[in-house]
Amino acid sequence: MYNNQEGLEEDLKVKKGYFRKIFDNNYNLGFGSPRTDVCSVCLQLFEKIKRASDETEKQRLQGSSKAPLTRENVFAYCWTEDEYDKGANEIASVLWHRLGNTDFTGIRTVRLIADGCPGQNKNCIMLTMCSKWLLTSAPNDVQEIQIVFPVVLSYLQTEYLLM
C-alpha cells in the first residue's frame, strides 16, 4: 500500500511518517501486531474504557471487568497422558470438581476460558456438564455460565508444522 504501486512517479511518493500520520489521524487506523489470546469480550470492554468520555463511566466499565488473576482464583490440574487420558470426560470431571469447590457468593456469571479443542472443551459433554451444574448444583447467586474460546491469531511453530 505504502509506495507499493508500480509506475508511481517519484514526486508522488511520500515518506512513511507522512503515510502513517494520515492513517492515524484521518482514518483511526493503527499499525502494530495484533494482540493474541484476548477474548472478544475483553477487547470490547477495553475499547469502551478507552473511549469513555468521563471518569465515572470509566470507573463503571473497569468495575465490570474480570477480577485480577491471583493464586486464590486461578487453579491448575496437571497430569500426564500415561496416568490418565485428557479427553472430554476427564476435562468435564475436573471442571465439575472445581465448580463444586469454589465459593461463588455474590457472583452472577461464571466465565470459563478455554482453547477451542473439540476433543476436550468445545463439545456436547462440556456443555451438558455446565448445564447440569447450573441447574442442580450451582449456588442461587449464579445465573449464567459463559464459555469463551479466544481467537488466537498466531500459531506456535509446532502447531504450524502439524497442519
N, C-alpha and C. Protein backbone atom coordinates (compact mmCIF):
# COMPACT_ATOMS: atom_id res chain seq x y z
N MET A 1 0.82 -1.18 0.00
CA MET A 1 0.00 0.00 0.00
C MET A 1 0.88 1.25 0.00
N TYR A 2 1.79 1.33 0.92
CA TYR A 2 2.65 2.49 1.04
C TYR A 2 3.70 2.45 -0.05
N ASN A 3 3.62 3.37 -1.01
CA ASN A 3 4.55 3.48 -2.15
C ASN A 3 4.75 2.14 -2.86
N ASN A 4 3.69 1.34 -2.94
CA ASN A 4 3.83 -0.01 -3.45
C ASN A 4 3.25 -0.18 -4.86
N GLN A 5 2.80 0.89 -5.47
CA GLN A 5 2.20 0.79 -6.80
C GLN A 5 3.28 0.89 -7.86
N GLU A 6 3.16 0.03 -8.86
CA GLU A 6 4.12 0.07 -9.96
C GLU A 6 3.85 1.30 -10.80
N GLY A 7 4.89 1.89 -11.30
CA GLY A 7 4.75 3.05 -12.18
C GLY A 7 4.43 4.33 -11.44
N LEU A 8 4.57 4.35 -10.13
CA LEU A 8 4.30 5.56 -9.35
C LEU A 8 5.43 6.55 -9.57
N GLU A 9 5.05 7.77 -9.96
CA GLU A 9 6.06 8.79 -10.21
C GLU A 9 6.79 9.15 -8.93
N GLU A 10 8.05 9.48 -9.08
CA GLU A 10 8.90 9.75 -7.93
C GLU A 10 8.37 10.91 -7.10
N ASP A 11 7.80 11.95 -7.72
CA ASP A 11 7.32 13.10 -6.97
C ASP A 11 6.00 12.82 -6.23
N LEU A 12 5.35 11.69 -6.51
CA LEU A 12 4.13 11.31 -5.79
C LEU A 12 4.40 10.42 -4.60
N LYS A 13 5.60 9.92 -4.47
CA LYS A 13 5.93 9.07 -3.32
C LYS A 13 6.03 9.93 -2.07
N VAL A 14 5.61 9.34 -0.94
CA VAL A 14 5.65 10.07 0.34
C VAL A 14 6.48 9.29 1.34
N LYS A 15 6.89 10.00 2.38
CA LYS A 15 7.66 9.34 3.43
C LYS A 15 6.71 8.50 4.30
N LYS A 16 7.28 7.49 4.91
CA LYS A 16 6.49 6.57 5.74
C LYS A 16 5.81 7.32 6.89
N GLY A 17 6.47 8.28 7.50
CA GLY A 17 5.90 9.05 8.60
C GLY A 17 4.66 9.82 8.18
N TYR A 18 4.68 10.39 6.98
CA TYR A 18 3.52 11.13 6.47
C TYR A 18 2.35 10.17 6.24
N PHE A 19 2.66 9.03 5.63
CA PHE A 19 1.65 8.00 5.37
C PHE A 19 1.00 7.55 6.68
N ARG A 20 1.83 7.30 7.68
CA ARG A 20 1.34 6.85 8.98
C ARG A 20 0.48 7.92 9.65
N LYS A 21 0.90 9.19 9.55
CA LYS A 21 0.17 10.30 10.16
C LYS A 21 -1.24 10.41 9.56
N ILE A 22 -1.35 10.27 8.26
CA ILE A 22 -2.66 10.35 7.60
C ILE A 22 -3.57 9.23 8.10
N PHE A 23 -3.06 8.02 8.15
CA PHE A 23 -3.88 6.89 8.60
C PHE A 23 -4.24 7.01 10.07
N ASP A 24 -3.31 7.42 10.91
CA ASP A 24 -3.59 7.53 12.34
C ASP A 24 -4.59 8.63 12.64
N ASN A 25 -4.46 9.78 11.98
CA ASN A 25 -5.30 10.94 12.29
C ASN A 25 -6.61 10.98 11.53
N ASN A 26 -6.63 10.55 10.27
CA ASN A 26 -7.83 10.69 9.45
C ASN A 26 -8.68 9.44 9.38
N TYR A 27 -8.10 8.29 9.58
CA TYR A 27 -8.85 7.05 9.41
C TYR A 27 -8.95 6.21 10.67
N ASN A 28 -8.37 6.67 11.76
CA ASN A 28 -8.41 5.95 13.04
C ASN A 28 -7.92 4.51 12.89
N LEU A 29 -6.89 4.32 12.09
CA LEU A 29 -6.28 3.02 11.91
C LEU A 29 -4.91 3.04 12.57
N GLY A 30 -4.48 1.92 13.04
CA GLY A 30 -3.17 1.85 13.67
C GLY A 30 -2.34 0.75 13.04
N PHE A 31 -1.06 0.78 13.33
CA PHE A 31 -0.14 -0.21 12.83
C PHE A 31 0.46 -0.92 14.03
N GLY A 32 0.61 -2.20 13.92
CA GLY A 32 1.22 -2.95 15.01
C GLY A 32 0.76 -4.39 14.97
N SER A 33 1.31 -5.17 15.87
CA SER A 33 0.96 -6.58 15.93
C SER A 33 -0.37 -6.75 16.64
N PRO A 34 -1.22 -7.68 16.16
CA PRO A 34 -2.48 -7.92 16.86
C PRO A 34 -2.23 -8.61 18.20
N ARG A 35 -3.10 -8.34 19.16
CA ARG A 35 -2.99 -8.99 20.46
C ARG A 35 -3.49 -10.42 20.31
N THR A 36 -2.82 -11.34 20.95
CA THR A 36 -3.24 -12.73 20.89
C THR A 36 -3.77 -13.17 22.23
N ASP A 37 -4.52 -14.22 22.23
CA ASP A 37 -5.09 -14.80 23.45
C ASP A 37 -5.92 -13.80 24.25
N VAL A 38 -6.66 -12.95 23.54
CA VAL A 38 -7.56 -12.00 24.17
C VAL A 38 -8.95 -12.29 23.65
N CYS A 39 -9.91 -12.50 24.52
CA CYS A 39 -11.26 -12.82 24.07
C CYS A 39 -11.96 -11.56 23.57
N SER A 40 -13.00 -11.75 22.77
CA SER A 40 -13.72 -10.63 22.17
C SER A 40 -14.40 -9.77 23.23
N VAL A 41 -14.86 -10.36 24.32
CA VAL A 41 -15.49 -9.59 25.40
C VAL A 41 -14.49 -8.63 26.02
N CYS A 42 -13.27 -9.11 26.27
CA CYS A 42 -12.23 -8.27 26.85
C CYS A 42 -11.84 -7.14 25.90
N LEU A 43 -11.74 -7.45 24.60
CA LEU A 43 -11.40 -6.43 23.62
C LEU A 43 -12.47 -5.35 23.56
N GLN A 44 -13.75 -5.74 23.56
CA GLN A 44 -14.82 -4.76 23.54
C GLN A 44 -14.78 -3.88 24.78
N LEU A 45 -14.59 -4.48 25.94
CA LEU A 45 -14.54 -3.73 27.18
C LEU A 45 -13.36 -2.77 27.18
N PHE A 46 -12.20 -3.22 26.71
CA PHE A 46 -11.03 -2.36 26.64
C PHE A 46 -11.29 -1.14 25.76
N GLU A 47 -11.93 -1.35 24.61
CA GLU A 47 -12.23 -0.24 23.70
C GLU A 47 -13.25 0.73 24.31
N LYS A 48 -14.25 0.20 25.02
CA LYS A 48 -15.23 1.07 25.67
C LYS A 48 -14.56 1.93 26.74
N ILE A 49 -13.65 1.33 27.51
CA ILE A 49 -12.93 2.09 28.54
C ILE A 49 -12.09 3.18 27.89
N LYS A 50 -11.43 2.85 26.79
CA LYS A 50 -10.58 3.80 26.09
C LYS A 50 -11.39 5.00 25.58
N ARG A 51 -12.62 4.76 25.14
CA ARG A 51 -13.44 5.81 24.53
C ARG A 51 -14.38 6.51 25.52
N ALA A 52 -14.40 6.07 26.77
CA ALA A 52 -15.30 6.67 27.76
C ALA A 52 -14.95 8.15 27.94
N SER A 53 -16.00 8.99 27.95
CA SER A 53 -15.78 10.43 27.99
C SER A 53 -15.51 10.97 29.39
N ASP A 54 -16.15 10.43 30.40
CA ASP A 54 -15.93 10.94 31.76
C ASP A 54 -15.38 9.84 32.67
N GLU A 55 -14.83 10.27 33.77
CA GLU A 55 -14.16 9.37 34.71
C GLU A 55 -15.14 8.40 35.37
N THR A 56 -16.37 8.85 35.61
CA THR A 56 -17.37 7.98 36.23
C THR A 56 -17.69 6.79 35.34
N GLU A 57 -17.83 7.05 34.05
CA GLU A 57 -18.10 5.97 33.09
C GLU A 57 -16.93 4.99 33.03
N LYS A 58 -15.70 5.51 33.04
CA LYS A 58 -14.52 4.64 33.04
C LYS A 58 -14.49 3.75 34.28
N GLN A 59 -14.79 4.32 35.45
CA GLN A 59 -14.81 3.55 36.70
C GLN A 59 -15.86 2.45 36.63
N ARG A 60 -17.05 2.78 36.08
CA ARG A 60 -18.12 1.78 35.97
C ARG A 60 -17.70 0.63 35.06
N LEU A 61 -17.09 0.98 33.92
CA LEU A 61 -16.66 -0.05 32.97
C LEU A 61 -15.54 -0.90 33.55
N GLN A 62 -14.60 -0.28 34.24
CA GLN A 62 -13.49 -1.03 34.82
C GLN A 62 -13.98 -1.96 35.93
N GLY A 63 -15.03 -1.57 36.63
CA GLY A 63 -15.60 -2.42 37.67
C GLY A 63 -16.28 -3.65 37.10
N SER A 64 -16.69 -3.59 35.81
CA SER A 64 -17.35 -4.74 35.19
C SER A 64 -16.35 -5.69 34.56
N SER A 65 -15.08 -5.35 34.64
CA SER A 65 -14.05 -6.21 34.07
C SER A 65 -13.82 -7.41 34.97
N LYS A 66 -13.08 -8.36 34.47
CA LYS A 66 -12.80 -9.55 35.27
C LYS A 66 -11.88 -9.21 36.44
N ALA A 67 -11.94 -10.03 37.46
CA ALA A 67 -11.08 -9.83 38.63
C ALA A 67 -9.64 -10.13 38.26
N PRO A 68 -8.68 -9.50 38.94
CA PRO A 68 -7.28 -9.81 38.66
C PRO A 68 -6.97 -11.27 39.01
N LEU A 69 -6.08 -11.86 38.24
CA LEU A 69 -5.73 -13.26 38.47
C LEU A 69 -4.73 -13.36 39.61
N THR A 70 -5.07 -14.18 40.61
CA THR A 70 -4.21 -14.38 41.78
C THR A 70 -4.13 -15.87 42.09
N ARG A 71 -3.32 -16.22 43.05
CA ARG A 71 -3.22 -17.63 43.47
C ARG A 71 -4.53 -18.14 44.07
N GLU A 72 -5.36 -17.23 44.55
CA GLU A 72 -6.62 -17.63 45.17
C GLU A 72 -7.71 -17.91 44.14
N ASN A 73 -7.60 -17.38 42.90
CA ASN A 73 -8.68 -17.58 41.95
C ASN A 73 -8.23 -18.22 40.62
N VAL A 74 -7.03 -18.76 40.59
CA VAL A 74 -6.56 -19.49 39.41
C VAL A 74 -6.17 -20.89 39.87
N PHE A 75 -6.66 -21.90 39.15
CA PHE A 75 -6.42 -23.28 39.55
C PHE A 75 -5.89 -24.07 38.37
N ALA A 76 -5.01 -25.02 38.65
CA ALA A 76 -4.45 -25.86 37.59
C ALA A 76 -4.52 -27.31 38.03
N TYR A 77 -4.97 -28.15 37.14
CA TYR A 77 -4.98 -29.59 37.35
C TYR A 77 -4.00 -30.17 36.33
N CYS A 78 -2.99 -30.85 36.79
CA CYS A 78 -1.95 -31.35 35.89
C CYS A 78 -1.80 -32.86 36.02
N TRP A 79 -1.70 -33.51 34.89
CA TRP A 79 -1.39 -34.93 34.84
C TRP A 79 -0.88 -35.25 33.45
N THR A 80 -0.17 -36.34 33.34
CA THR A 80 0.34 -36.74 32.03
C THR A 80 -0.58 -37.79 31.43
N GLU A 81 -0.49 -37.95 30.12
CA GLU A 81 -1.40 -38.87 29.44
C GLU A 81 -1.07 -40.34 29.71
N ASP A 82 0.09 -40.62 30.28
CA ASP A 82 0.35 -42.01 30.66
C ASP A 82 -0.35 -42.35 31.99
N GLU A 83 -0.74 -41.32 32.77
CA GLU A 83 -1.50 -41.54 34.00
C GLU A 83 -3.00 -41.68 33.69
N TYR A 84 -3.55 -40.70 32.97
CA TYR A 84 -4.96 -40.67 32.60
C TYR A 84 -5.09 -40.01 31.23
N ASP A 85 -6.19 -40.31 30.54
CA ASP A 85 -6.46 -39.63 29.27
C ASP A 85 -6.77 -38.16 29.52
N LYS A 86 -6.77 -37.38 28.45
CA LYS A 86 -7.17 -35.97 28.52
C LYS A 86 -8.32 -35.73 27.56
N GLY A 87 -9.32 -36.59 27.64
CA GLY A 87 -10.49 -36.48 26.78
C GLY A 87 -11.56 -35.61 27.39
N ALA A 88 -12.70 -35.57 26.73
CA ALA A 88 -13.81 -34.72 27.16
C ALA A 88 -14.32 -35.10 28.54
N ASN A 89 -14.42 -36.38 28.85
CA ASN A 89 -14.93 -36.81 30.15
C ASN A 89 -14.01 -36.38 31.29
N GLU A 90 -12.71 -36.54 31.10
CA GLU A 90 -11.75 -36.15 32.15
C GLU A 90 -11.79 -34.64 32.39
N ILE A 91 -11.81 -33.87 31.31
CA ILE A 91 -11.82 -32.40 31.45
C ILE A 91 -13.13 -31.95 32.11
N ALA A 92 -14.25 -32.55 31.70
CA ALA A 92 -15.53 -32.19 32.32
C ALA A 92 -15.54 -32.56 33.81
N SER A 93 -14.95 -33.69 34.17
CA SER A 93 -14.88 -34.10 35.58
C SER A 93 -14.04 -33.12 36.40
N VAL A 94 -12.92 -32.71 35.85
CA VAL A 94 -12.07 -31.74 36.55
C VAL A 94 -12.82 -30.42 36.74
N LEU A 95 -13.50 -29.97 35.71
CA LEU A 95 -14.24 -28.71 35.82
C LEU A 95 -15.40 -28.85 36.82
N TRP A 96 -16.08 -29.97 36.82
CA TRP A 96 -17.15 -30.22 37.80
C TRP A 96 -16.59 -30.12 39.22
N HIS A 97 -15.43 -30.73 39.44
CA HIS A 97 -14.78 -30.68 40.76
C HIS A 97 -14.47 -29.23 41.14
N ARG A 98 -13.89 -28.47 40.21
CA ARG A 98 -13.53 -27.09 40.51
C ARG A 98 -14.77 -26.24 40.78
N LEU A 99 -15.81 -26.38 39.96
CA LEU A 99 -17.03 -25.60 40.17
C LEU A 99 -17.67 -25.94 41.52
N GLY A 100 -17.63 -27.21 41.90
CA GLY A 100 -18.22 -27.64 43.16
C GLY A 100 -17.42 -27.22 44.39
N ASN A 101 -16.17 -26.84 44.21
CA ASN A 101 -15.31 -26.49 45.35
C ASN A 101 -14.87 -25.03 45.32
N THR A 102 -15.64 -24.19 44.66
CA THR A 102 -15.33 -22.76 44.60
C THR A 102 -16.48 -21.99 45.23
N ASP A 103 -16.14 -20.96 45.99
CA ASP A 103 -17.15 -20.10 46.63
C ASP A 103 -17.60 -19.05 45.61
N PHE A 104 -18.85 -19.12 45.18
CA PHE A 104 -19.39 -18.18 44.20
C PHE A 104 -20.34 -17.18 44.85
N THR A 105 -20.18 -16.91 46.13
CA THR A 105 -21.05 -15.96 46.82
C THR A 105 -20.97 -14.60 46.15
N GLY A 106 -22.13 -14.07 45.77
CA GLY A 106 -22.20 -12.74 45.15
C GLY A 106 -21.82 -12.71 43.68
N ILE A 107 -21.53 -13.86 43.08
CA ILE A 107 -21.13 -13.90 41.68
C ILE A 107 -22.32 -14.37 40.85
N ARG A 108 -22.69 -13.57 39.85
CA ARG A 108 -23.84 -13.88 39.00
C ARG A 108 -23.43 -14.69 37.77
N THR A 109 -22.26 -14.37 37.19
CA THR A 109 -21.83 -15.01 35.95
C THR A 109 -20.48 -15.68 36.17
N VAL A 110 -20.39 -16.94 35.77
CA VAL A 110 -19.13 -17.68 35.80
C VAL A 110 -18.62 -17.70 34.36
N ARG A 111 -17.41 -17.20 34.16
CA ARG A 111 -16.82 -17.16 32.82
C ARG A 111 -15.67 -18.16 32.76
N LEU A 112 -15.78 -19.12 31.85
CA LEU A 112 -14.75 -20.13 31.65
C LEU A 112 -14.00 -19.79 30.36
N ILE A 113 -12.68 -19.79 30.41
CA ILE A 113 -11.85 -19.52 29.24
C ILE A 113 -11.19 -20.83 28.84
N ALA A 114 -11.34 -21.22 27.58
CA ALA A 114 -10.78 -22.49 27.14
C ALA A 114 -10.32 -22.38 25.69
N ASP A 115 -9.36 -23.21 25.32
CA ASP A 115 -8.99 -23.24 23.91
C ASP A 115 -10.11 -23.97 23.15
N GLY A 116 -10.07 -23.90 21.85
CA GLY A 116 -11.14 -24.44 21.03
C GLY A 116 -10.97 -25.90 20.68
N CYS A 117 -10.29 -26.67 21.50
CA CYS A 117 -10.06 -28.09 21.22
C CYS A 117 -11.39 -28.85 21.30
N PRO A 118 -11.86 -29.40 20.18
CA PRO A 118 -13.15 -30.10 20.21
C PRO A 118 -13.10 -31.40 21.01
N GLY A 119 -11.93 -32.00 21.15
CA GLY A 119 -11.83 -33.25 21.91
C GLY A 119 -11.85 -33.05 23.41
N GLN A 120 -11.63 -31.81 23.88
CA GLN A 120 -11.58 -31.56 25.32
C GLN A 120 -12.60 -30.53 25.78
N ASN A 121 -12.73 -29.41 25.08
CA ASN A 121 -13.51 -28.29 25.60
C ASN A 121 -14.74 -27.92 24.79
N LYS A 122 -14.64 -28.00 23.50
CA LYS A 122 -15.71 -27.50 22.62
C LYS A 122 -16.55 -28.67 22.13
N ASN A 123 -17.37 -29.23 23.05
CA ASN A 123 -18.14 -30.41 22.69
C ASN A 123 -19.40 -30.49 23.56
N CYS A 124 -20.28 -31.43 23.22
CA CYS A 124 -21.56 -31.55 23.93
C CYS A 124 -21.38 -32.05 25.36
N ILE A 125 -20.33 -32.80 25.65
CA ILE A 125 -20.10 -33.28 27.02
C ILE A 125 -19.86 -32.09 27.96
N MET A 126 -19.03 -31.15 27.52
CA MET A 126 -18.74 -29.97 28.33
C MET A 126 -20.00 -29.11 28.52
N LEU A 127 -20.76 -28.92 27.45
CA LEU A 127 -21.99 -28.12 27.56
C LEU A 127 -23.01 -28.80 28.47
N THR A 128 -23.14 -30.11 28.35
CA THR A 128 -24.07 -30.84 29.20
C THR A 128 -23.66 -30.76 30.67
N MET A 129 -22.37 -30.91 30.95
CA MET A 129 -21.89 -30.82 32.33
C MET A 129 -22.16 -29.42 32.90
N CYS A 130 -21.87 -28.37 32.13
CA CYS A 130 -22.12 -26.99 32.60
C CYS A 130 -23.61 -26.77 32.85
N SER A 131 -24.45 -27.28 31.96
CA SER A 131 -25.91 -27.13 32.13
C SER A 131 -26.38 -27.85 33.39
N LYS A 132 -25.90 -29.06 33.58
CA LYS A 132 -26.31 -29.83 34.77
C LYS A 132 -25.85 -29.14 36.05
N TRP A 133 -24.61 -28.64 36.08
CA TRP A 133 -24.12 -27.94 37.27
C TRP A 133 -24.96 -26.70 37.54
N LEU A 134 -25.25 -25.95 36.50
CA LEU A 134 -26.02 -24.71 36.66
C LEU A 134 -27.43 -25.00 37.18
N LEU A 135 -28.05 -26.08 36.70
CA LEU A 135 -29.42 -26.40 37.10
C LEU A 135 -29.51 -27.11 38.45
N THR A 136 -28.51 -27.91 38.81
CA THR A 136 -28.65 -28.74 40.01
C THR A 136 -27.72 -28.39 41.16
N SER A 137 -26.54 -27.86 40.88
CA SER A 137 -25.54 -27.70 41.94
C SER A 137 -25.05 -26.28 42.15
N ALA A 138 -25.34 -25.39 41.24
CA ALA A 138 -24.83 -24.02 41.35
C ALA A 138 -25.52 -23.28 42.50
N PRO A 139 -24.79 -22.39 43.19
CA PRO A 139 -25.43 -21.55 44.22
C PRO A 139 -26.51 -20.67 43.58
N ASN A 140 -27.43 -20.21 44.40
CA ASN A 140 -28.54 -19.39 43.88
C ASN A 140 -28.07 -18.10 43.22
N ASP A 141 -26.92 -17.56 43.65
CA ASP A 141 -26.41 -16.32 43.06
C ASP A 141 -26.04 -16.50 41.59
N VAL A 142 -25.51 -17.64 41.23
CA VAL A 142 -25.03 -17.87 39.87
C VAL A 142 -26.22 -18.07 38.93
N GLN A 143 -26.30 -17.20 37.91
CA GLN A 143 -27.40 -17.26 36.97
C GLN A 143 -26.98 -17.71 35.57
N GLU A 144 -25.69 -17.60 35.27
CA GLU A 144 -25.25 -17.97 33.91
C GLU A 144 -23.80 -18.40 33.91
N ILE A 145 -23.48 -19.23 32.92
CA ILE A 145 -22.10 -19.63 32.65
C ILE A 145 -21.78 -19.18 31.23
N GLN A 146 -20.67 -18.50 31.07
CA GLN A 146 -20.18 -18.13 29.74
C GLN A 146 -18.92 -18.93 29.47
N ILE A 147 -18.87 -19.55 28.30
CA ILE A 147 -17.66 -20.25 27.89
C ILE A 147 -17.05 -19.46 26.75
N VAL A 148 -15.84 -18.98 26.95
CA VAL A 148 -15.16 -18.13 25.97
C VAL A 148 -14.04 -18.92 25.31
N PHE A 149 -14.04 -18.91 23.99
CA PHE A 149 -12.98 -19.54 23.21
C PHE A 149 -12.23 -18.42 22.48
N PRO A 150 -11.14 -17.89 23.07
CA PRO A 150 -10.43 -16.77 22.43
C PRO A 150 -9.92 -17.18 21.05
N VAL A 151 -9.97 -16.22 20.14
CA VAL A 151 -9.43 -16.45 18.81
C VAL A 151 -7.95 -16.12 18.87
N VAL A 152 -7.12 -17.08 18.56
CA VAL A 152 -5.67 -16.88 18.57
C VAL A 152 -5.23 -16.67 17.14
N LEU A 153 -4.57 -15.55 16.88
CA LEU A 153 -4.22 -15.19 15.52
C LEU A 153 -2.84 -15.66 15.10
N SER A 154 -2.12 -16.29 15.99
CA SER A 154 -0.78 -16.76 15.64
C SER A 154 -0.69 -18.25 15.94
N TYR A 155 0.25 -18.90 15.31
CA TYR A 155 0.47 -20.32 15.53
C TYR A 155 1.83 -20.54 16.15
N LEU A 156 1.90 -21.50 17.06
CA LEU A 156 3.21 -21.92 17.52
C LEU A 156 3.87 -22.70 16.39
N GLN A 157 5.17 -22.71 16.34
CA GLN A 157 5.86 -23.40 15.26
C GLN A 157 5.42 -24.86 15.16
N THR A 158 5.26 -25.54 16.28
CA THR A 158 4.88 -26.96 16.25
C THR A 158 3.46 -27.13 15.73
N GLU A 159 2.55 -26.21 16.07
CA GLU A 159 1.19 -26.29 15.56
C GLU A 159 1.19 -26.11 14.05
N TYR A 160 1.98 -25.18 13.57
CA TYR A 160 2.02 -24.90 12.15
C TYR A 160 2.55 -26.12 11.38
N LEU A 161 3.53 -26.81 11.92
CA LEU A 161 4.10 -27.97 11.26
C LEU A 161 3.12 -29.13 11.19
N LEU A 162 2.21 -29.22 12.16
CA LEU A 162 1.26 -30.32 12.19
C LEU A 162 0.04 -30.09 11.31
N MET A 163 -0.14 -28.88 10.81
CA MET A 163 -1.32 -28.58 9.99
C MET A 163 -1.19 -29.08 8.58
